[in-house]
Amino acid sequence: EYIYNLIDNKENLNIKNIEDDVQSTINTFIKNKLLLKEKNE
């Protein structure tokens, strides 16, 4: 939603697609061991 709000031209833009892209990017960061997910205790 934060990224969606940064985009000026929202024509043909779907928040669900952005959410999928965000999750994919985060997964890539994790896969490449750039980002660590903290475990909840």
PDB file of all heavy atoms in Angstrom:
ATOM      1  N   GLU A   1       0.837  -1.207   0.000  1.00  0.00           N
ATOM      2  CA  GLU A   1       0.000   0.000   0.000  1.00  0.00           C
ATOM      3  C   GLU A   1       0.874   1.260   0.000  1.00  0.00           C
ATOM      4  O   GLU A   1       0.556   2.242  -0.669  1.00  0.00           O
ATOM      5  CB  GLU A   1      -0.938  -0.003   1.205  1.00  0.00           C
ATOM      6  CG  GLU A   1      -2.040  -1.037   1.089  1.00  0.00           C
ATOM      7  CD  GLU A   1      -2.842  -1.223   2.380  1.00  0.00           C
ATOM      8  OE1 GLU A   1      -2.521  -0.573   3.400  1.00  0.00           O
ATOM      9  OE2 GLU A   1      -3.777  -2.037   2.358  1.00  0.00           O
ATOM     10  N   TYR A   2       1.970   1.223   0.750  1.00  0.00           N
ATOM     11  CA  TYR A   2       2.910   2.346   0.778  1.00  0.00           C
ATOM     12  C   TYR A   2       3.451   2.608  -0.636  1.00  0.00           C
ATOM     13  O   TYR A   2       3.459   3.746  -1.109  1.00  0.00           O
ATOM     14  CB  TYR A   2       4.048   2.053   1.759  1.00  0.00           C
ATOM     15  CG  TYR A   2       5.131   3.095   1.762  1.00  0.00           C
ATOM     16  CD1 TYR A   2       4.993   4.264   2.507  1.00  0.00           C
ATOM     17  CD2 TYR A   2       6.291   2.936   1.009  1.00  0.00           C
ATOM     18  CE1 TYR A   2       5.985   5.239   2.501  1.00  0.00           C
ATOM     19  CE2 TYR A   2       7.286   3.896   0.997  1.00  0.00           C
ATOM     20  CZ  TYR A   2       7.123   5.038   1.740  1.00  0.00           C
ATOM     21  OH  TYR A   2       8.097   6.008   1.731  1.00  0.00           O
ATOM     22  N   ILE A   3       3.879   1.551  -1.323  1.00  0.00           N
ATOM     23  CA  ILE A   3       4.407   1.679  -2.682  1.00  0.00           C
ATOM     24  C   ILE A   3       3.313   2.147  -3.638  1.00  0.00           C
ATOM     25  O   ILE A   3       3.535   3.029  -4.475  1.00  0.00           O
ATOM     26  CB  ILE A   3       5.042   0.352  -3.147  1.00  0.00           C
ATOM     27  CG1 ILE A   3       6.313   0.096  -2.332  1.00  0.00           C
ATOM     28  CG2 ILE A   3       5.339   0.371  -4.644  1.00  0.00           C
ATOM     29  CD1 ILE A   3       6.892  -1.279  -2.502  1.00  0.00           C
ATOM     30  N   TYR A   4       2.122   1.594  -3.509  1.00  0.00           N
ATOM     31  CA  TYR A   4       0.982   1.988  -4.342  1.00  0.00           C
ATOM     32  C   TYR A   4       0.741   3.491  -4.240  1.00  0.00           C
ATOM     33  O   TYR A   4       0.509   4.166  -5.245  1.00  0.00           O
ATOM     34  CB  TYR A   4      -0.258   1.199  -3.917  1.00  0.00           C
ATOM     35  CG  TYR A   4      -1.510   1.528  -4.695  1.00  0.00           C
ATOM     36  CD1 TYR A   4      -1.762   0.912  -5.921  1.00  0.00           C
ATOM     37  CD2 TYR A   4      -2.448   2.433  -4.208  1.00  0.00           C
ATOM     38  CE1 TYR A   4      -2.914   1.202  -6.639  1.00  0.00           C
ATOM     39  CE2 TYR A   4      -3.595   2.729  -4.921  1.00  0.00           C
ATOM     40  CZ  TYR A   4      -3.823   2.108  -6.135  1.00  0.00           C
ATOM     41  OH  TYR A   4      -4.961   2.408  -6.852  1.00  0.00           O
ATOM     42  N   ASN A   5       0.823   4.022  -3.030  1.00  0.00           N
ATOM     43  CA  ASN A   5       0.584   5.446  -2.815  1.00  0.00           C
ATOM     44  C   ASN A   5       1.692   6.327  -3.395  1.00  0.00           C
ATOM     45  O   ASN A   5       1.478   7.515  -3.638  1.00  0.00           O
ATOM     46  CB  ASN A   5       0.388   5.734  -1.331  1.00  0.00           C
ATOM     47  CG  ASN A   5      -0.932   5.189  -0.825  1.00  0.00           C
ATOM     48  OD1 ASN A   5      -1.915   5.125  -1.564  1.00  0.00           O
ATOM     49  ND2 ASN A   5      -0.964   4.764   0.420  1.00  0.00           N
ATOM     50  N   LEU A   6       2.868   5.777  -3.626  1.00  0.00           N
ATOM     51  CA  LEU A   6       3.968   6.532  -4.227  1.00  0.00           C
ATOM     52  C   LEU A   6       3.820   6.679  -5.743  1.00  0.00           C
ATOM     53  O   LEU A   6       4.393   7.580  -6.339  1.00  0.00           O
ATOM     54  CB  LEU A   6       5.313   5.841  -3.947  1.00  0.00           C
ATOM     55  CG  LEU A   6       5.813   5.827  -2.517  1.00  0.00           C
ATOM     56  CD1 LEU A   6       7.110   5.028  -2.436  1.00  0.00           C
ATOM     57  CD2 LEU A   6       6.037   7.243  -1.996  1.00  0.00           C
ATOM     58  N   ILE A   7       3.040   5.806  -6.342  1.00  0.00           N
ATOM     59  CA  ILE A   7       2.905   5.769  -7.799  1.00  0.00           C
ATOM     60  C   ILE A   7       1.855   6.776  -8.245  1.00  0.00           C
ATOM     61  O   ILE A   7       0.731   6.773  -7.753  1.00  0.00           O
ATOM     62  CB  ILE A   7       2.551   4.341  -8.260  1.00  0.00           C
ATOM     63  CG1 ILE A   7       3.678   3.378  -7.860  1.00  0.00           C
ATOM     64  CG2 ILE A   7       2.292   4.291  -9.753  1.00  0.00           C
ATOM     65  CD1 ILE A   7       3.348   1.922  -8.040  1.00  0.00           C
ATOM     66  N   ASP A   8       2.239   7.630  -9.197  1.00  0.00           N
ATOM     67  CA  ASP A   8       1.329   8.663  -9.692  1.00  0.00           C
ATOM     68  C   ASP A   8       0.257   8.090 -10.616  1.00  0.00           C
ATOM     69  O   ASP A   8      -0.923   8.330 -10.434  1.00  0.00           O
ATOM     70  CB  ASP A   8       2.106   9.752 -10.435  1.00  0.00           C
ATOM     71  CG  ASP A   8       2.976  10.572  -9.495  1.00  0.00           C
ATOM     72  OD1 ASP A   8       2.611  10.716  -8.320  1.00  0.00           O
ATOM     73  OD2 ASP A   8       4.023  11.054  -9.951  1.00  0.00           O
ATOM     74  N   ASN A   9       0.666   7.346 -11.633  1.00  0.00           N
ATOM     75  CA  ASN A   9      -0.262   6.813 -12.622  1.00  0.00           C
ATOM     76  C   ASN A   9      -0.726   5.418 -12.185  1.00  0.00           C
ATOM     77  O   ASN A   9      -0.019   4.437 -12.368  1.00  0.00           O
ATOM     78  CB  ASN A   9       0.403   6.749 -14.002  1.00  0.00           C
ATOM     79  CG  ASN A   9      -0.564   6.298 -15.070  1.00  0.00           C
ATOM     80  OD1 ASN A   9      -1.734   6.043 -14.810  1.00  0.00           O
ATOM     81  ND2 ASN A   9      -0.064   6.206 -16.282  1.00  0.00           N
ATOM     82  N   LYS A  10      -1.914   5.345 -11.617  1.00  0.00           N
ATOM     83  CA  LYS A  10      -2.426   4.090 -11.078  1.00  0.00           C
ATOM     84  C   LYS A  10      -3.307   3.330 -12.076  1.00  0.00           C
ATOM     85  O   LYS A  10      -3.902   2.328 -11.734  1.00  0.00           O
ATOM     86  CB  LYS A  10      -3.173   4.345  -9.781  1.00  0.00           C
ATOM     87  CG  LYS A  10      -2.260   4.820  -8.655  1.00  0.00           C
ATOM     88  CD  LYS A  10      -3.037   5.052  -7.405  1.00  0.00           C
ATOM     89  CE  LYS A  10      -2.196   5.413  -6.219  1.00  0.00           C
ATOM     90  NZ  LYS A  10      -1.330   6.549  -6.332  1.00  0.00           N
ATOM     91  N   GLU A  11      -3.358   3.812 -13.314  1.00  0.00           N
ATOM     92  CA  GLU A  11      -4.160   3.148 -14.340  1.00  0.00           C
ATOM     93  C   GLU A  11      -3.619   1.726 -14.565  1.00  0.00           C
ATOM     94  O   GLU A  11      -2.422   1.516 -14.702  1.00  0.00           O
ATOM     95  CB  GLU A  11      -4.090   3.943 -15.636  1.00  0.00           C
ATOM     96  CG  GLU A  11      -5.015   3.428 -16.714  1.00  0.00           C
ATOM     97  CD  GLU A  11      -4.958   4.305 -17.955  1.00  0.00           C
ATOM     98  OE1 GLU A  11      -4.695   5.516 -17.836  1.00  0.00           O
ATOM     99  OE2 GLU A  11      -5.180   3.752 -19.034  1.00  0.00           O
ATOM    100  N   ASN A  12      -4.522   0.759 -14.588  1.00  0.00           N
ATOM    101  CA  ASN A  12      -4.179  -0.662 -14.766  1.00  0.00           C
ATOM    102  C   ASN A  12      -3.276  -1.194 -13.658  1.00  0.00           C
ATOM    103  O   ASN A  12      -2.542  -2.155 -13.864  1.00  0.00           O
ATOM    104  CB  ASN A  12      -3.524  -0.917 -16.134  1.00  0.00           C
ATOM    105  CG  ASN A  12      -4.443  -0.540 -17.271  1.00  0.00           C
ATOM    106  OD1 ASN A  12      -5.636  -0.778 -17.220  1.00  0.00           O
ATOM    107  ND2 ASN A  12      -3.874   0.069 -18.304  1.00  0.00           N
ATOM    108  N   LEU A  13      -3.321  -0.562 -12.507  1.00  0.00           N
ATOM    109  CA  LEU A  13      -2.486  -0.982 -11.386  1.00  0.00           C
ATOM    110  C   LEU A  13      -3.351  -1.700 -10.361  1.00  0.00           C
ATOM    111  O   LEU A  13      -4.416  -1.223  -9.995  1.00  0.00           O
ATOM    112  CB  LEU A  13      -1.823   0.252 -10.761  1.00  0.00           C
ATOM    113  CG  LEU A  13      -0.672   0.031  -9.822  1.00  0.00           C
ATOM    114  CD1 LEU A  13       0.461  -0.707 -10.524  1.00  0.00           C
ATOM    115  CD2 LEU A  13      -0.157   1.383  -9.339  1.00  0.00           C
ATOM    116  N   ASN A  14      -2.899  -2.832  -9.922  1.00  0.00           N
ATOM    117  CA  ASN A  14      -3.648  -3.665  -8.992  1.00  0.00           C
ATOM    118  C   ASN A  14      -2.828  -3.835  -7.720  1.00  0.00           C
ATOM    119  O   ASN A  14      -1.684  -4.292  -7.772  1.00  0.00           O
ATOM    120  CB  ASN A  14      -3.909  -5.024  -9.663  1.00  0.00           C
ATOM    121  CG  ASN A  14      -4.720  -5.956  -8.805  1.00  0.00           C
ATOM    122  OD1 ASN A  14      -4.572  -5.996  -7.589  1.00  0.00           O
ATOM    123  ND2 ASN A  14      -5.564  -6.734  -9.451  1.00  0.00           N
ATOM    124  N   ILE A  15      -3.394  -3.488  -6.586  1.00  0.00           N
ATOM    125  CA  ILE A  15      -2.685  -3.574  -5.305  1.00  0.00           C
ATOM    126  C   ILE A  15      -2.249  -5.007  -5.004  1.00  0.00           C
ATOM    127  O   ILE A  15      -1.186  -5.231  -4.434  1.00  0.00           O
ATOM    128  CB  ILE A  15      -3.532  -2.977  -4.145  1.00  0.00           C
ATOM    129  CG1 ILE A  15      -2.713  -2.849  -2.864  1.00  0.00           C
ATOM    130  CG2 ILE A  15      -4.774  -3.799  -3.897  1.00  0.00           C
ATOM    131  CD1 ILE A  15      -1.724  -1.746  -2.883  1.00  0.00           C
ATOM    132  N   LYS A  16      -3.045  -5.981  -5.419  1.00  0.00           N
ATOM    133  CA  LYS A  16      -2.684  -7.391  -5.183  1.00  0.00           C
ATOM    134  C   LYS A  16      -1.415  -7.760  -5.945  1.00  0.00           C
ATOM    135  O   LYS A  16      -0.558  -8.474  -5.424  1.00  0.00           O
ATOM    136  CB  LYS A  16      -3.851  -8.306  -5.582  1.00  0.00           C
ATOM    137  CG  LYS A  16      -3.569  -9.774  -5.410  1.00  0.00           C
ATOM    138  CD  LYS A  16      -3.352 -10.142  -3.960  1.00  0.00           C
ATOM    139  CE  LYS A  16      -3.155 -11.643  -3.818  1.00  0.00           C
ATOM    140  NZ  LYS A  16      -2.117 -12.002  -2.883  1.00  0.00           N
ATOM    141  N   ASN A  17      -1.271  -7.261  -7.175  1.00  0.00           N
ATOM    142  CA  ASN A  17      -0.048  -7.520  -7.941  1.00  0.00           C
ATOM    143  C   ASN A  17       1.173  -6.898  -7.274  1.00  0.00           C
ATOM    144  O   ASN A  17       2.244  -7.493  -7.255  1.00  0.00           O
ATOM    145  CB  ASN A  17      -0.180  -7.000  -9.373  1.00  0.00           C
ATOM    146  CG  ASN A  17      -1.167  -7.801 -10.190  1.00  0.00           C
ATOM    147  OD1 ASN A  17      -1.544  -8.905  -9.816  1.00  0.00           O
ATOM    148  ND2 ASN A  17      -1.606  -7.236 -11.292  1.00  0.00           N
ATOM    149  N   ILE A  18       0.992  -5.700  -6.741  1.00  0.00           N
ATOM    150  CA  ILE A  18       2.088  -5.039  -6.026  1.00  0.00           C
ATOM    151  C   ILE A  18       2.452  -5.849  -4.791  1.00  0.00           C
ATOM    152  O   ILE A  18       3.630  -6.060  -4.500  1.00  0.00           O
ATOM    153  CB  ILE A  18       1.725  -3.588  -5.660  1.00  0.00           C
ATOM    154  CG1 ILE A  18       1.547  -2.756  -6.925  1.00  0.00           C
ATOM    155  CG2 ILE A  18       2.795  -2.977  -4.762  1.00  0.00           C
ATOM    156  CD1 ILE A  18       1.033  -1.365  -6.677  1.00  0.00           C
ATOM    157  N   GLU A  19       1.445  -6.308  -4.086  1.00  0.00           N
ATOM    158  CA  GLU A  19       1.688  -7.125  -2.887  1.00  0.00           C
ATOM    159  C   GLU A  19       2.462  -8.398  -3.249  1.00  0.00           C
ATOM    160  O   GLU A  19       3.406  -8.776  -2.553  1.00  0.00           O
ATOM    161  CB  GLU A  19       0.363  -7.475  -2.224  1.00  0.00           C
ATOM    162  CG  GLU A  19       0.505  -8.101  -0.865  1.00  0.00           C
ATOM    163  CD  GLU A  19      -0.832  -8.322  -0.180  1.00  0.00           C
ATOM    164  OE1 GLU A  19      -1.823  -7.664  -0.528  1.00  0.00           O
ATOM    165  OE2 GLU A  19      -0.871  -9.177   0.721  1.00  0.00           O
ATOM    166  N   ASP A  20       2.086  -9.044  -4.349  1.00  0.00           N
ATOM    167  CA  ASP A  20       2.801 -10.243  -4.808  1.00  0.00           C
ATOM    168  C   ASP A  20       4.252  -9.917  -5.160  1.00  0.00           C
ATOM    169  O   ASP A  20       5.170 -10.684  -4.836  1.00  0.00           O
ATOM    170  CB  ASP A  20       2.100 -10.870  -6.016  1.00  0.00           C
ATOM    171  CG  ASP A  20       0.755 -11.487  -5.668  1.00  0.00           C
ATOM    172  OD1 ASP A  20       0.465 -11.709  -4.468  1.00  0.00           O
ATOM    173  OD2 ASP A  20      -0.035 -11.728  -6.612  1.00  0.00           O
ATOM    174  N   ASP A  21       4.459  -8.775  -5.824  1.00  0.00           N
ATOM    175  CA  ASP A  21       5.817  -8.361  -6.186  1.00  0.00           C
ATOM    176  C   ASP A  21       6.659  -8.056  -4.949  1.00  0.00           C
ATOM    177  O   ASP A  21       7.846  -8.385  -4.902  1.00  0.00           O
ATOM    178  CB  ASP A  21       5.781  -7.134  -7.106  1.00  0.00           C
ATOM    179  CG  ASP A  21       5.251  -7.454  -8.494  1.00  0.00           C
ATOM    180  OD1 ASP A  21       5.195  -8.653  -8.860  1.00  0.00           O
ATOM    181  OD2 ASP A  21       4.883  -6.497  -9.213  1.00  0.00           O
ATOM    182  N   VAL A  22       6.050  -7.401  -3.965  1.00  0.00           N
ATOM    183  CA  VAL A  22       6.759  -7.107  -2.715  1.00  0.00           C
ATOM    184  C   VAL A  22       7.176  -8.411  -2.041  1.00  0.00           C
ATOM    185  O   VAL A  22       8.332  -8.559  -1.628  1.00  0.00           O
ATOM    186  CB  VAL A  22       5.890  -6.240  -1.771  1.00  0.00           C
ATOM    187  CG1 VAL A  22       6.482  -6.191  -0.366  1.00  0.00           C
ATOM    188  CG2 VAL A  22       5.724  -4.837  -2.332  1.00  0.00           C
ATOM    189  N   GLN A  23       6.250  -9.355  -1.949  1.00  0.00           N
ATOM    190  CA  GLN A  23       6.569 -10.637  -1.308  1.00  0.00           C
ATOM    191  C   GLN A  23       7.661 -11.379  -2.076  1.00  0.00           C
ATOM    192  O   GLN A  23       8.568 -11.953  -1.482  1.00  0.00           O
ATOM    193  CB  GLN A  23       5.326 -11.512  -1.185  1.00  0.00           C
ATOM    194  CG  GLN A  23       5.555 -12.767  -0.356  1.00  0.00           C
ATOM    195  CD  GLN A  23       5.991 -12.441   1.068  1.00  0.00           C
ATOM    196  OE1 GLN A  23       5.302 -11.749   1.797  1.00  0.00           O
ATOM    197  NE2 GLN A  23       7.158 -12.923   1.463  1.00  0.00           N
ATOM    198  N   SER A  24       7.597 -11.339  -3.395  1.00  0.00           N
ATOM    199  CA  SER A  24       8.613 -11.981  -4.227  1.00  0.00           C
ATOM    200  C   SER A  24       9.994 -11.354  -3.999  1.00  0.00           C
ATOM    201  O   SER A  24      11.005 -12.060  -3.900  1.00  0.00           O
ATOM    202  CB  SER A  24       8.222 -11.872  -5.702  1.00  0.00           C
ATOM    203  OG  SER A  24       9.222 -12.405  -6.513  1.00  0.00           O
ATOM    204  N   THR A  25      10.034 -10.033  -3.901  1.00  0.00           N
ATOM    205  CA  THR A  25      11.295  -9.326  -3.657  1.00  0.00           C
ATOM    206  C   THR A  25      11.853  -9.676  -2.291  1.00  0.00           C
ATOM    207  O   THR A  25      13.052  -9.960  -2.146  1.00  0.00           O
ATOM    208  CB  THR A  25      11.095  -7.804  -3.782  1.00  0.00           C
ATOM    209  OG1 THR A  25      10.594  -7.511  -5.095  1.00  0.00           O
ATOM    210  CG2 THR A  25      12.383  -7.044  -3.541  1.00  0.00           C
ATOM    211  N   ILE A  26      10.999  -9.709  -1.279  1.00  0.00           N
ATOM    212  CA  ILE A  26      11.433 -10.086   0.068  1.00  0.00           C
ATOM    213  C   ILE A  26      11.966 -11.514   0.060  1.00  0.00           C
ATOM    214  O   ILE A  26      13.018 -11.796   0.658  1.00  0.00           O
ATOM    215  CB  ILE A  26      10.280  -9.920   1.083  1.00  0.00           C
ATOM    216  CG1 ILE A  26       9.949  -8.442   1.262  1.00  0.00           C
ATOM    217  CG2 ILE A  26      10.634 -10.569   2.425  1.00  0.00           C
ATOM    218  CD1 ILE A  26       8.665  -8.179   2.023  1.00  0.00           C
ATOM    219  N   ASN A  27      11.268 -12.419  -0.618  1.00  0.00           N
ATOM    220  CA  ASN A  27      11.724 -13.806  -0.701  1.00  0.00           C
ATOM    221  C   ASN A  27      13.093 -13.906  -1.375  1.00  0.00           C
ATOM    222  O   ASN A  27      13.932 -14.724  -0.969  1.00  0.00           O
ATOM    223  CB  ASN A  27      10.704 -14.666  -1.442  1.00  0.00           C
ATOM    224  CG  ASN A  27       9.436 -14.879  -0.642  1.00  0.00           C
ATOM    225  OD1 ASN A  27       9.393 -14.658   0.562  1.00  0.00           O
ATOM    226  ND2 ASN A  27       8.385 -15.286  -1.319  1.00  0.00           N
ATOM    227  N   THR A  28      13.328 -13.070  -2.384  1.00  0.00           N
ATOM    228  CA  THR A  28      14.634 -13.050  -3.055  1.00  0.00           C
ATOM    229  C   THR A  28      15.714 -12.559  -2.103  1.00  0.00           C
ATOM    230  O   THR A  28      16.818 -13.122  -2.067  1.00  0.00           O
ATOM    231  CB  THR A  28      14.578 -12.169  -4.318  1.00  0.00           C
ATOM    232  OG1 THR A  28      13.597 -12.696  -5.209  1.00  0.00           O
ATOM    233  CG2 THR A  28      15.917 -12.104  -5.019  1.00  0.00           C
ATOM    234  N   PHE A  29      15.410 -11.520  -1.324  1.00  0.00           N
ATOM    235  CA  PHE A  29      16.370 -11.041  -0.322  1.00  0.00           C
ATOM    236  C   PHE A  29      16.720 -12.158   0.662  1.00  0.00           C
ATOM    237  O   PHE A  29      17.886 -12.342   1.022  1.00  0.00           O
ATOM    238  CB  PHE A  29      15.802  -9.849   0.459  1.00  0.00           C
ATOM    239  CG  PHE A  29      15.654  -8.566  -0.315  1.00  0.00           C
ATOM    240  CD1 PHE A  29      14.732  -7.615   0.094  1.00  0.00           C
ATOM    241  CD2 PHE A  29      16.416  -8.285  -1.437  1.00  0.00           C
ATOM    242  CE1 PHE A  29      14.583  -6.415  -0.586  1.00  0.00           C
ATOM    243  CE2 PHE A  29      16.274  -7.095  -2.135  1.00  0.00           C
ATOM    244  CZ  PHE A  29      15.355  -6.152  -1.701  1.00  0.00           C
ATOM    245  N   ILE A  30      15.704 -12.874   1.103  1.00  0.00           N
ATOM    246  CA  ILE A  30      15.921 -13.961   2.062  1.00  0.00           C
ATOM    247  C   ILE A  30      16.707 -15.100   1.416  1.00  0.00           C
ATOM    248  O   ILE A  30      17.658 -15.628   2.005  1.00  0.00           O
ATOM    249  CB  ILE A  30      14.577 -14.459   2.637  1.00  0.00           C
ATOM    250  CG1 ILE A  30      13.948 -13.361   3.516  1.00  0.00           C
ATOM    251  CG2 ILE A  30      14.766 -15.746   3.435  1.00  0.00           C
ATOM    252  CD1 ILE A  30      12.520 -13.632   3.939  1.00  0.00           C
ATOM    253  N   LYS A  31      16.324 -15.470   0.204  1.00  0.00           N
ATOM    254  CA  LYS A  31      17.003 -16.550  -0.515  1.00  0.00           C
ATOM    255  C   LYS A  31      18.488 -16.247  -0.696  1.00  0.00           C
ATOM    256  O   LYS A  31      19.338 -17.136  -0.566  1.00  0.00           O
ATOM    257  CB  LYS A  31      16.337 -16.761  -1.873  1.00  0.00           C
ATOM    258  CG  LYS A  31      16.981 -17.806  -2.735  1.00  0.00           C
ATOM    259  CD  LYS A  31      16.297 -17.886  -4.088  1.00  0.00           C
ATOM    260  CE  LYS A  31      17.195 -18.575  -5.087  1.00  0.00           C
ATOM    261  NZ  LYS A  31      16.749 -18.359  -6.445  1.00  0.00           N
ATOM    262  N   ASN A  32      18.812 -14.999  -0.994  1.00  0.00           N
ATOM    263  CA  ASN A  32      20.203 -14.588  -1.182  1.00  0.00           C
ATOM    264  C   ASN A  32      20.912 -14.256   0.127  1.00  0.00           C
ATOM    265  O   ASN A  32      22.048 -13.779   0.115  1.00  0.00           O
ATOM    266  CB  ASN A  32      20.280 -13.404  -2.145  1.00  0.00           C
ATOM    267  CG  ASN A  32      19.941 -13.794  -3.552  1.00  0.00           C
ATOM    268  OD1 ASN A  32      20.381 -14.822  -4.046  1.00  0.00           O
ATOM    269  ND2 ASN A  32      19.130 -12.989  -4.219  1.00  0.00           N
ATOM    270  N   LYS A  33      20.208 -14.475   1.233  1.00  0.00           N
ATOM    271  CA  LYS A  33      20.746 -14.282   2.581  1.00  0.00           C
ATOM    272  C   LYS A  33      21.187 -12.845   2.852  1.00  0.00           C
ATOM    273  O   LYS A  33      22.123 -12.595   3.590  1.00  0.00           O
ATOM    274  CB  LYS A  33      21.876 -15.273   2.851  1.00  0.00           C
ATOM    275  CG  LYS A  33      21.393 -16.700   2.786  1.00  0.00           C
ATOM    276  CD  LYS A  33      22.476 -17.687   3.070  1.00  0.00           C
ATOM    277  CE  LYS A  33      21.845 -19.074   2.971  1.00  0.00           C
ATOM    278  NZ  LYS A  33      22.777 -20.134   2.936  1.00  0.00           N
ATOM    279  N   LEU A  34      20.468 -11.908   2.243  1.00  0.00           N
ATOM    280  CA  LEU A  34      20.691 -10.491   2.514  1.00  0.00           C
ATOM    281  C   LEU A  34      19.824 -10.027   3.672  1.00  0.00           C
ATOM    282  O   LEU A  34      20.159  -9.085   4.385  1.00  0.00           O
ATOM    283  CB  LEU A  34      20.370  -9.654   1.274  1.00  0.00           C
ATOM    284  CG  LEU A  34      21.115 -10.021  -0.006  1.00  0.00           C
ATOM    285  CD1 LEU A  34      20.603  -9.177  -1.163  1.00  0.00           C
ATOM    286  CD2 LEU A  34      22.604  -9.859   0.175  1.00  0.00           C
ATOM    287  N   LEU A  35      18.708 -10.704   3.830  1.00  0.00           N
ATOM    288  CA  LEU A  35      17.700 -10.346   4.815  1.00  0.00           C
ATOM    289  C   LEU A  35      17.421 -11.569   5.668  1.00  0.00           C
ATOM    290  O   LEU A  35      17.296 -12.679   5.158  1.00  0.00           O
ATOM    291  CB  LEU A  35      16.436  -9.923   4.076  1.00  0.00           C
ATOM    292  CG  LEU A  35      15.321  -9.250   4.836  1.00  0.00           C
ATOM    293  CD1 LEU A  35      15.778  -7.906   5.387  1.00  0.00           C
ATOM    294  CD2 LEU A  35      14.128  -9.039   3.914  1.00  0.00           C
ATOM    295  N   LEU A  36      17.360 -11.350   6.961  1.00  0.00           N
ATOM    296  CA  LEU A  36      17.058 -12.427   7.886  1.00  0.00           C
ATOM    297  C   LEU A  36      15.711 -12.154   8.529  1.00  0.00           C
ATOM    298  O   LEU A  36      15.431 -11.037   8.948  1.00  0.00           O
ATOM    299  CB  LEU A  36      18.139 -12.522   8.972  1.00  0.00           C
ATOM    300  CG  LEU A  36      19.576 -12.658   8.483  1.00  0.00           C
ATOM    301  CD1 LEU A  36      20.542 -12.549   9.656  1.00  0.00           C
ATOM    302  CD2 LEU A  36      19.777 -13.946   7.722  1.00  0.00           C
ATOM    303  N   LYS A  37      14.891 -13.174   8.588  1.00  0.00           N
ATOM    304  CA  LYS A  37      13.596 -13.039   9.233  1.00  0.00           C
ATOM    305  C   LYS A  37      13.767 -13.433  10.694  1.00  0.00           C
ATOM    306  O   LYS A  37      14.241 -14.524  11.000  1.00  0.00           O
ATOM    307  CB  LYS A  37      12.556 -13.931   8.549  1.00  0.00           C
ATOM    308  CG  LYS A  37      11.168 -13.687   9.017  1.00  0.00           C
ATOM    309  CD  LYS A  37      10.158 -14.421   8.162  1.00  0.00           C
ATOM    310  CE  LYS A  37       8.760 -14.032   8.591  1.00  0.00           C
ATOM    311  NZ  LYS A  37       7.749 -14.640   7.755  1.00  0.00           N
ATOM    312  N   GLU A  38      13.406 -12.511  11.574  1.00  0.00           N
ATOM    313  CA  GLU A  38      13.527 -12.789  13.000  1.00  0.00           C
ATOM    314  C   GLU A  38      12.450 -13.774  13.413  1.00  0.00           C
ATOM    315  O   GLU A  38      11.301 -13.666  12.996  1.00  0.00           O
ATOM    316  CB  GLU A  38      13.394 -11.501  13.809  1.00  0.00           C
ATOM    317  CG  GLU A  38      14.544 -10.543  13.594  1.00  0.00           C
ATOM    318  CD  GLU A  38      14.403  -9.280  14.408  1.00  0.00           C
ATOM    319  OE1 GLU A  38      13.371  -9.097  15.090  1.00  0.00           O
ATOM    320  OE2 GLU A  38      15.327  -8.464  14.362  1.00  0.00           O
ATOM    321  N   LYS A  39      12.847 -14.711  14.225  1.00  0.00           N
ATOM    322  CA  LYS A  39      11.883 -15.685  14.725  1.00  0.00           C
ATOM    323  C   LYS A  39      11.177 -15.098  15.932  1.00  0.00           C
ATOM    324  O   LYS A  39      11.795 -14.521  16.822  1.00  0.00           O
ATOM    325  CB  LYS A  39      12.590 -16.976  15.124  1.00  0.00           C
ATOM    326  CG  LYS A  39      13.219 -17.678  13.948  1.00  0.00           C
ATOM    327  CD  LYS A  39      13.911 -18.934  14.390  1.00  0.00           C
ATOM    328  CE  LYS A  39      14.556 -19.607  13.186  1.00  0.00           C
ATOM    329  NZ  LYS A  39      15.324 -20.786  13.566  1.00  0.00           N
ATOM    330  N   ASN A  40       9.869 -15.252  15.940  1.00  0.00           N
ATOM    331  CA  ASN A  40       9.091 -14.796  17.087  1.00  0.00           C
ATOM    332  C   ASN A  40       9.246 -15.804  18.208  1.00  0.00           C
ATOM    333  O   ASN A  40       9.100 -16.997  18.003  1.00  0.00           O
ATOM    334  CB  ASN A  40       7.608 -14.661  16.733  1.00  0.00           C
ATOM    335  CG  ASN A  40       7.352 -13.543  15.765  1.00  0.00           C
ATOM    336  OD1 ASN A  40       8.132 -12.611  15.669  1.00  0.00           O
ATOM    337  ND2 ASN A  40       6.270 -13.640  15.034  1.00  0.00           N
ATOM    338  N   GLU A  41       9.551 -15.298  19.354  1.00  0.00           N
ATOM    339  CA  GLU A  41       9.638 -16.180  20.509  1.00  0.00           C
ATOM    340  C   GLU A  41       8.273 -16.207  21.165  1.00  0.00           C
ATOM    341  O   GLU A  41       7.698 -15.192  21.500  1.00  0.00           O
ATOM    342  CB  GLU A  41      10.692 -15.678  21.479  1.00  0.00           C
ATOM    343  CG  GLU A  41      12.103 -15.739  20.908  1.00  0.00           C
ATOM    344  CD  GLU A  41      13.142 -15.323  21.922  1.00  0.00           C
ATOM    345  OE1 GLU A  41      12.848 -15.388  23.135  1.00  0.00           O
ATOM    346  OE2 GLU A  41      14.227 -14.929  21.506  1.00  0.00           O
TER     347      GLU A  41
END
